[in-house]
Each structure stands twice: as structure tokens, then as C-alpha cells.
C-alpha atoms as a PDB file:
ATOM      1  CA  MET A   1     -26.389  -7.969  45.412  1.00  0.00           C
ATOM      2  CA  SER A   2     -29.351  -5.860  46.317  1.00  0.00           C
ATOM      3  CA  ARG A   3     -29.808  -2.322  45.140  1.00  0.00           C
ATOM      4  CA  GLN A   4     -30.173   0.535  47.560  1.00  0.00           C
ATOM      5  CA  SER A   5     -33.775   1.664  47.788  1.00  0.00           C
ATOM      6  CA  ILE A   6     -34.485   5.260  46.836  1.00  0.00           C
ATOM      7  CA  TRP A   7     -37.853   5.304  48.605  1.00  0.00           C
ATOM      8  CA  ALA A   8     -36.610   6.817  51.889  1.00  0.00           C
ATOM      9  CA  PRO A   9     -34.834   9.853  50.349  1.00  0.00           C
ATOM     10  CA  LYS A  10     -37.913  10.601  48.238  1.00  0.00           C
ATOM     11  CA  VAL A  11     -40.196  10.594  51.278  1.00  0.00           C
ATOM     12  CA  LEU A  12     -37.619  12.660  53.177  1.00  0.00           C
ATOM     13  CA  SER A  13     -37.818  15.301  50.461  1.00  0.00           C
ATOM     14  CA  LEU A  14     -41.607  15.429  50.906  1.00  0.00           C
ATOM     15  CA  VAL A  15     -41.173  16.073  54.622  1.00  0.00           C
ATOM     16  CA  LYS A  16     -38.518  18.719  54.018  1.00  0.00           C
ATOM     17  CA  ALA A  17     -40.797  20.442  51.515  1.00  0.00           C
ATOM     18  CA  GLY A  18     -43.494  20.654  54.178  1.00  0.00           C
ATOM     19  CA  ASN A  19     -45.864  18.183  52.537  1.00  0.00           C
ATOM     20  CA  SER A  20     -46.300  15.875  55.521  1.00  0.00           C
ATOM     21  CA  THR A  21     -49.720  14.692  54.306  1.00  0.00           C
ATOM     22  CA  ALA A  22     -48.183  13.202  51.161  1.00  0.00           C
ATOM     23  CA  ALA A  23     -45.307  11.775  53.210  1.00  0.00           C
ATOM     24  CA  ILE A  24     -47.737  10.012  55.554  1.00  0.00           C
ATOM     25  CA  ALA A  25     -49.624   8.612  52.576  1.00  0.00           C
ATOM     26  CA  GLN A  26     -46.364   7.183  51.249  1.00  0.00           C
ATOM     27  CA  ILE A  27     -45.446   5.825  54.685  1.00  0.00           C
ATOM     28  CA  LYS A  28     -48.744   3.941  54.823  1.00  0.00           C
ATOM     29  CA  VAL A  29     -47.819   2.068  51.631  1.00  0.00           C
ATOM     30  CA  ALA A  30     -44.147   1.579  52.495  1.00  0.00           C
ATOM     31  CA  PRO A  31     -42.515  -1.339  50.686  1.00  0.00           C
ATOM     32  CA  THR A  32     -40.577  -2.850  53.617  1.00  0.00           C
ATOM     33  CA  VAL A  33     -39.720  -2.356  57.268  1.00  0.00           C
ATOM     34  CA  LYS A  34     -36.106  -1.682  56.245  1.00  0.00           C
ATOM     35  CA  ASP A  35     -37.242   1.247  54.124  1.00  0.00           C
ATOM     36  CA  LEU A  36     -39.169   2.687  57.057  1.00  0.00           C
ATOM     37  CA  GLN A  37     -36.167   2.261  59.339  1.00  0.00           C
ATOM     38  CA  ASP A  38     -33.959   3.986  56.771  1.00  0.00           C
ATOM     39  CA  LEU A  39     -36.456   6.843  56.623  1.00  0.00           C
ATOM     40  CA  ARG A  40     -36.438   7.177  60.419  1.00  0.00           C
ATOM     41  CA  LYS A  41     -32.627   7.345  60.365  1.00  0.00           C
ATOM     42  CA  LEU A  42     -32.702  10.099  57.759  1.00  0.00           C
ATOM     43  CA  LEU A  43     -35.387  12.014  59.656  1.00  0.00           C
ATOM     44  CA  SER A  44     -33.524  11.742  62.955  1.00  0.00           C
ATOM     45  CA  THR A  45     -30.266  13.025  61.467  1.00  0.00           C
ATOM     46  CA  GLY A  46     -32.091  16.119  60.268  1.00  0.00           C
ATOM     47  CA  ASN A  47     -34.014  16.544  63.567  1.00  0.00           C
ATOM     48  CA  LEU A  48     -37.248  16.335  61.585  1.00  0.00           C
ATOM     49  CA  LEU A  49     -38.898  13.769  63.867  1.00  0.00           C
ATOM     50  CA  LYS A  50     -39.251  16.415  66.581  1.00  0.00           C
ATOM     51  CA  THR A  51     -40.702  19.026  64.251  1.00  0.00           C
ATOM     52  CA  HIS A  52     -43.105  16.575  62.546  1.00  0.00           C
ATOM     53  CA  PRO A  53     -44.644  14.414  65.298  1.00  0.00           C
ATOM     54  CA  ASN A  54     -47.354  13.094  62.960  1.00  0.00           C
ATOM     55  CA  VAL A  55     -44.694  11.643  60.636  1.00  0.00           C
ATOM     56  CA  ASP A  56     -42.923  10.168  63.670  1.00  0.00           C
ATOM     57  CA  ALA A  57     -46.130   8.470  64.800  1.00  0.00           C
ATOM     58  CA  ALA A  58     -46.915   7.205  61.295  1.00  0.00           C
ATOM     59  CA  THR A  59     -43.488   5.605  60.855  1.00  0.00           C
ATOM     60  CA  THR A  60     -43.620   3.986  64.291  1.00  0.00           C
ATOM     61  CA  ASP A  61     -47.110   2.617  63.663  1.00  0.00           C
ATOM     62  CA  MET A  62     -46.253   1.222  60.236  1.00  0.00           C
ATOM     63  CA  ILE A  63     -43.044  -0.429  61.476  1.00  0.00           C
ATOM     64  CA  ALA A  64     -45.115  -2.184  64.129  1.00  0.00           C
ATOM     65  CA  ALA A  65     -47.808  -3.145  61.614  1.00  0.00           C
ATOM     66  CA  LEU A  66     -45.388  -4.505  59.018  1.00  0.00           C
ATOM     67  CA  SER A  67     -43.351  -6.339  61.651  1.00  0.00           C
ATOM     68  CA  ALA A  68     -46.358  -8.246  62.936  1.00  0.00           C
ATOM     69  CA  PRO A  69     -46.231 -11.871  61.836  1.00  0.00           C
ATOM     70  CA  ARG A  70     -49.934 -12.036  61.010  1.00  0.00           C
ATOM     71  CA  LEU A  71     -49.763  -9.308  58.384  1.00  0.00           C
ATOM     72  CA  HIS A  72     -48.324 -10.160  55.009  1.00  0.00           C
ATOM     73  CA  ARG A  73     -48.110  -8.086  51.896  1.00  0.00           C
ATOM     74  CA  SER A  74     -48.668  -9.641  48.546  1.00  0.00           C
ATOM     75  CA  PRO A  75     -45.738  -9.516  46.156  1.00  0.00           C
END
């Protein structure tokens, strides 16, 4: 059994607090694509993707970067 990651809710709280710079920094070092997708789900339910387009772009870019087969992260 895998544990639910708490990364996405923590980054969501940064966005809600208005600290999008810190949120983008965390997005750039995201652990997995699943965590980024979970964050996008949380942001879309709160309509925060429309109000924070820079966070939207950062999540989209990092999902594409982490999904690429030529990029691997060390454990």
C-alpha cells in the first residue's frame, strides 16, 4: 500500500496564501508527475488556475518535462 502524498495540499496552501513564487519553486522540484496532477486537480476545483496563470504554466511545463522519457530523476 502506498501512502497518500501531502505535497500537493502543501503547495496549494502556498498558492492560496498568495505566495506563488514559492509555489513555483516547489513545482520545479516536484517529486512525481502524479503529485503535479493532484495539484492541478486541487487548483482547478478552487478555480485558482485562472487567477494564477504563472502557476498553471509551471505545472503544465513540469508535467511535460517529467513525462519525457529522456529525463530521469535520481532516487
